[in-house]
Amino acid sequence: MMKRLIIVIALVAIALGFFPLATQLSEASTLTNTAEHYVGKGAEELGAANLVTSVVVSYRGLDTLGEILVLFTATTGVTTLLGSTHPTSQKRDDDLVEEGRRQGSELLATGAAFLFPLLILFGIYIFLNGHLTPGGGFQGGVVLASAFLLLLFSDCRIQLNHVLLKRAEAFSGAAYVAVGLLGLWLAAGFLDPRFLPAGEFGQLFSAGAIPLIYILVGIKVGSELTGIIDSMRRCQS
């Protein structure tokens, strides 16, 4: 009884805390000074046809770096808690492979074999064109991870190359920071893409270093999420 009472009191307190926010929430009719600068000068200053890209990877590049660090911390925590590299877990995994009890259905395996390369290409397309169309490194990385998720669903006996995943994650993260420092050194600030030629507006090779930044973000996000998926899969083995 006491436990239920505490839960009710907690829910009421949360509701009271959010009530003023819900009642005072209104749609903004004007842009702030910062937003006006982004909208008016973003395309001219950075050369990216996708204005959201200009904000995410350049104007607020430090915030994006923080998001990547959060994802890295989450990956490290999941891997540590699940103990995916524990010898006992690996032995159990190998035993199941030998017994052949982890193979998915033939229909799922055929569909995965057909969709896997398409999803990989689609993920690459998303982060390669993030400076031109909606999308970017985070979205493309998630698509890459979903391709590997489908592959593992189709046949859980598949073993991913963890060394390659870790190297891709480490390289992309280090290169991302290096690109940011090059912007600080050769341009006007951290992750300023203008240390590379702007190119022709609206073309694939444009917007300075923004496409390179999104490629690195896509690889890092994809490798980290794939690592999390594989750790969860091994934990359930």
Protein backbone atom coordinates (compact mmCIF):
# COMPACT_ATOMS: atom_id res chain seq x y z
CA MET A 1 0.00 0.00 0.00
CA MET A 2 2.76 2.42 0.93
CA LYS A 3 4.61 1.67 -2.31
CA ARG A 4 1.54 2.53 -4.40
CA LEU A 5 1.00 5.72 -2.41
CA ILE A 6 4.59 6.82 -3.09
CA ILE A 7 4.13 6.10 -6.79
CA VAL A 8 0.92 8.16 -6.92
CA ILE A 9 2.55 11.05 -5.07
CA ALA A 10 5.54 10.95 -7.45
CA LEU A 11 3.26 10.98 -10.51
CA VAL A 12 1.25 13.90 -9.13
CA ALA A 13 4.47 15.83 -8.41
CA ILE A 14 5.70 15.23 -11.95
CA ALA A 15 2.35 16.32 -13.39
CA LEU A 16 2.39 19.51 -11.32
CA GLY A 17 5.92 20.22 -12.49
CA PHE A 18 5.02 19.88 -16.17
CA PHE A 19 1.63 21.64 -15.93
CA PRO A 20 2.99 25.24 -16.08
CA LEU A 21 5.19 24.28 -19.03
CA ALA A 22 2.24 22.80 -20.92
CA THR A 23 -0.05 25.77 -20.24
CA GLN A 24 2.52 28.42 -21.13
CA LEU A 25 3.82 26.69 -24.26
CA SER A 26 3.16 28.73 -27.38
CA GLU A 27 4.36 28.77 -30.95
CA ALA A 28 7.19 31.22 -31.63
CA SER A 29 6.22 33.82 -34.23
CA THR A 30 9.63 35.45 -34.63
CA LEU A 31 13.21 34.26 -34.89
CA THR A 32 15.86 35.06 -32.34
CA ASN A 33 18.90 37.05 -33.41
CA THR A 34 20.98 33.88 -33.58
CA ALA A 35 18.36 32.07 -35.65
CA GLU A 36 18.07 35.02 -38.01
CA HIS A 37 21.82 34.88 -38.60
CA TYR A 38 21.66 31.15 -39.31
CA VAL A 39 18.79 31.54 -41.77
CA GLY A 40 20.12 34.64 -43.49
CA LYS A 41 23.83 33.88 -43.61
CA GLY A 42 24.12 30.08 -43.27
CA ALA A 43 24.13 29.21 -46.95
CA GLU A 44 26.43 32.10 -47.83
CA GLU A 45 28.95 31.47 -45.06
CA LEU A 46 29.19 27.69 -45.21
CA GLY A 47 27.91 26.81 -48.68
CA ALA A 48 25.60 23.99 -47.55
CA ALA A 49 22.24 23.71 -49.28
CA ASN A 50 20.82 21.97 -46.20
CA LEU A 51 20.65 24.69 -43.55
CA VAL A 52 20.15 22.18 -40.74
CA THR A 53 23.52 20.70 -41.62
CA SER A 54 25.19 24.09 -41.25
CA VAL A 55 23.79 24.43 -37.76
CA VAL A 56 24.46 20.87 -36.58
CA VAL A 57 28.04 20.32 -37.77
CA SER A 58 29.43 23.83 -37.76
CA TYR A 59 27.60 26.52 -35.80
CA ARG A 60 26.92 24.12 -32.94
CA GLY A 61 29.70 21.67 -33.68
CA LEU A 62 30.73 21.42 -30.02
CA ASP A 63 27.24 20.21 -29.15
CA THR A 64 27.51 17.54 -31.84
CA LEU A 65 30.87 16.50 -30.41
CA GLY A 66 29.16 16.13 -27.03
CA GLU A 67 26.47 13.92 -28.57
CA ILE A 68 29.13 11.69 -30.07
CA LEU A 69 30.83 11.43 -26.68
CA VAL A 70 27.50 10.46 -25.10
CA LEU A 71 27.05 7.71 -27.69
CA PHE A 72 30.61 6.51 -27.09
CA THR A 73 29.98 6.40 -23.34
CA ALA A 74 26.75 4.46 -23.86
CA THR A 75 28.54 1.96 -26.11
CA THR A 76 31.30 1.46 -23.55
CA GLY A 77 28.76 1.03 -20.75
CA VAL A 78 26.64 -1.50 -22.64
CA THR A 79 29.67 -3.53 -23.68
CA THR A 80 31.01 -3.55 -20.12
CA LEU A 81 27.70 -4.42 -18.46
CA LEU A 82 26.79 -7.18 -20.88
CA GLY A 83 30.29 -8.64 -20.80
CA SER A 84 30.24 -9.55 -24.47
CA THR A 85 33.90 -10.59 -24.42
CA HIS A 86 33.64 -12.84 -21.37
CA PRO A 87 35.22 -16.27 -22.09
CA THR A 88 32.17 -18.13 -20.78
CA SER A 89 29.87 -16.15 -23.05
CA GLN A 90 32.12 -16.81 -26.02
CA LYS A 91 32.26 -20.52 -25.26
CA ARG A 92 28.48 -20.70 -25.02
CA ASP A 93 28.24 -18.81 -28.30
CA ASP A 94 30.62 -21.24 -30.02
CA ASP A 95 28.72 -24.25 -28.66
CA LEU A 96 25.47 -22.96 -30.09
CA VAL A 97 27.11 -22.38 -33.44
CA GLU A 98 28.35 -25.97 -33.51
CA GLU A 99 24.90 -27.25 -32.65
CA GLY A 100 23.42 -25.22 -35.53
CA ARG A 101 20.53 -23.93 -33.41
CA ARG A 102 20.94 -20.26 -34.25
CA GLN A 103 20.10 -20.19 -37.93
CA GLY A 104 17.09 -18.09 -38.91
CA SER A 105 14.43 -18.99 -41.43
CA GLU A 106 15.33 -19.38 -45.09
CA LEU A 107 12.92 -16.58 -46.02
CA LEU A 108 14.58 -14.15 -43.57
CA ALA A 109 18.05 -15.19 -44.71
CA THR A 110 17.17 -14.61 -48.37
CA GLY A 111 15.60 -11.24 -47.62
CA ALA A 112 18.59 -10.17 -45.54
CA ALA A 113 21.03 -11.19 -48.27
CA PHE A 114 19.08 -9.03 -50.72
CA LEU A 115 18.52 -6.03 -48.44
CA PHE A 116 21.88 -5.87 -46.66
CA PRO A 117 23.90 -4.31 -49.51
CA LEU A 118 21.02 -1.98 -50.36
CA LEU A 119 20.83 -0.73 -46.77
CA ILE A 120 24.59 -0.20 -46.68
CA LEU A 121 24.43 1.84 -49.90
CA PHE A 122 21.43 3.78 -48.63
CA GLY A 123 23.19 4.63 -45.35
CA ILE A 124 26.26 5.81 -47.24
CA TYR A 125 24.04 7.88 -49.56
CA ILE A 126 22.36 9.56 -46.59
CA PHE A 127 25.55 10.81 -44.96
CA LEU A 128 27.28 11.62 -48.24
CA ASN A 129 24.38 13.92 -49.19
CA GLY A 130 23.72 15.30 -45.72
CA HIS A 131 24.85 18.79 -46.78
CA LEU A 132 22.40 18.78 -49.71
CA THR A 133 19.27 16.97 -48.52
CA PRO A 134 17.68 15.98 -45.19
CA GLY A 135 19.83 13.40 -43.46
CA GLY A 136 23.39 13.27 -42.26
CA GLY A 137 25.89 11.27 -40.24
CA PHE A 138 23.62 10.17 -37.40
CA GLN A 139 20.81 9.08 -39.71
CA GLY A 140 23.14 7.33 -42.12
CA GLY A 141 24.94 5.58 -39.26
CA VAL A 142 21.63 4.26 -37.90
CA VAL A 143 20.76 2.84 -41.33
CA LEU A 144 24.16 1.11 -41.47
CA ALA A 145 23.57 -0.40 -38.02
CA SER A 146 20.08 -1.55 -39.06
CA ALA A 147 21.65 -3.43 -41.98
CA PHE A 148 23.83 -5.40 -39.58
CA LEU A 149 20.87 -5.91 -37.25
CA LEU A 150 18.92 -7.51 -40.09
CA LEU A 151 21.93 -9.67 -40.96
CA LEU A 152 22.22 -10.94 -37.38
CA PHE A 153 18.49 -11.63 -37.23
CA SER A 154 18.74 -13.75 -40.35
CA ASP A 155 21.52 -15.95 -38.98
CA CYS A 156 22.81 -15.41 -35.45
CA ARG A 157 25.75 -17.70 -36.15
CA ILE A 158 27.37 -14.82 -38.03
CA GLN A 159 30.33 -13.44 -36.14
CA LEU A 160 31.19 -9.76 -36.63
CA ASN A 161 34.78 -8.57 -36.79
CA HIS A 162 35.09 -6.68 -33.50
CA VAL A 163 38.63 -5.57 -34.23
CA LEU A 164 37.46 -3.89 -37.42
CA LEU A 165 34.50 -2.27 -35.63
CA LYS A 166 36.70 -0.89 -32.88
CA ARG A 167 39.27 0.42 -35.35
CA ALA A 168 36.59 2.09 -37.47
CA GLU A 169 35.09 3.67 -34.36
CA ALA A 170 38.45 4.87 -33.05
CA PHE A 171 39.66 6.18 -36.42
CA SER A 172 36.45 8.06 -37.21
CA GLY A 173 36.35 9.62 -33.74
CA ALA A 174 39.98 10.73 -33.87
CA ALA A 175 39.59 12.03 -37.42
CA TYR A 176 36.47 13.97 -36.42
CA VAL A 177 38.36 15.76 -33.66
CA ALA A 178 41.28 16.35 -36.06
CA VAL A 179 38.97 17.97 -38.63
CA GLY A 180 37.54 20.15 -35.87
CA LEU A 181 41.01 21.27 -34.84
CA LEU A 182 41.94 22.00 -38.46
CA GLY A 183 38.92 24.32 -38.60
CA LEU A 184 40.14 26.00 -35.44
CA TRP A 185 43.65 26.39 -36.84
CA LEU A 186 43.01 27.19 -40.51
CA ALA A 187 39.58 28.85 -40.35
CA ALA A 188 37.49 30.69 -37.77
CA GLY A 189 36.67 28.05 -35.17
CA PHE A 190 36.27 24.42 -34.14
CA LEU A 191 34.68 22.37 -36.95
CA ASP A 192 34.64 25.41 -39.24
CA PRO A 193 34.44 23.69 -42.67
CA ARG A 194 35.87 26.62 -44.61
CA PHE A 195 39.46 25.39 -44.42
CA LEU A 196 38.54 23.33 -47.52
CA PRO A 197 37.27 24.84 -50.81
CA ALA A 198 33.55 25.63 -50.77
CA GLY A 199 32.99 24.22 -54.27
CA GLU A 200 29.86 24.87 -56.28
CA PHE A 201 26.72 25.42 -54.22
CA GLY A 202 24.29 22.50 -54.40
CA GLN A 203 26.82 20.00 -55.77
CA LEU A 204 28.13 16.88 -54.07
CA PHE A 205 31.62 18.33 -53.67
CA SER A 206 30.66 21.53 -51.91
CA ALA A 207 30.26 23.04 -48.43
CA GLY A 208 33.94 22.71 -47.56
CA ALA A 209 34.65 20.00 -44.99
CA ILE A 210 30.99 19.34 -44.09
CA PRO A 211 30.71 16.18 -46.26
CA LEU A 212 33.91 14.84 -44.69
CA ILE A 213 32.55 15.56 -41.20
CA TYR A 214 29.34 13.71 -41.97
CA ILE A 215 31.23 10.73 -43.39
CA LEU A 216 33.20 10.43 -40.16
CA VAL A 217 30.09 10.83 -38.01
CA GLY A 218 28.25 8.20 -40.07
CA ILE A 219 31.06 5.66 -39.71
CA LYS A 220 31.37 6.29 -35.97
CA VAL A 221 27.65 6.11 -35.25
CA GLY A 222 27.23 3.03 -37.43
CA SER A 223 30.13 1.14 -35.83
CA GLU A 224 29.10 2.06 -32.28
CA LEU A 225 25.46 1.06 -32.71
CA THR A 226 26.49 -2.15 -34.45
CA GLY A 227 28.72 -2.91 -31.47
CA ILE A 228 25.81 -2.35 -29.08
CA ILE A 229 23.55 -4.63 -31.15
CA ASP A 230 26.14 -7.39 -31.23
CA SER A 231 26.76 -7.10 -27.48
CA MET A 232 23.04 -7.50 -26.81
CA ARG A 233 22.87 -10.43 -29.19
CA ARG A 234 25.75 -12.19 -27.42
CA CYS A 235 24.15 -11.53 -24.04
CA GLN A 236 21.00 -13.35 -25.19
CA SER A 237 22.97 -16.31 -26.55
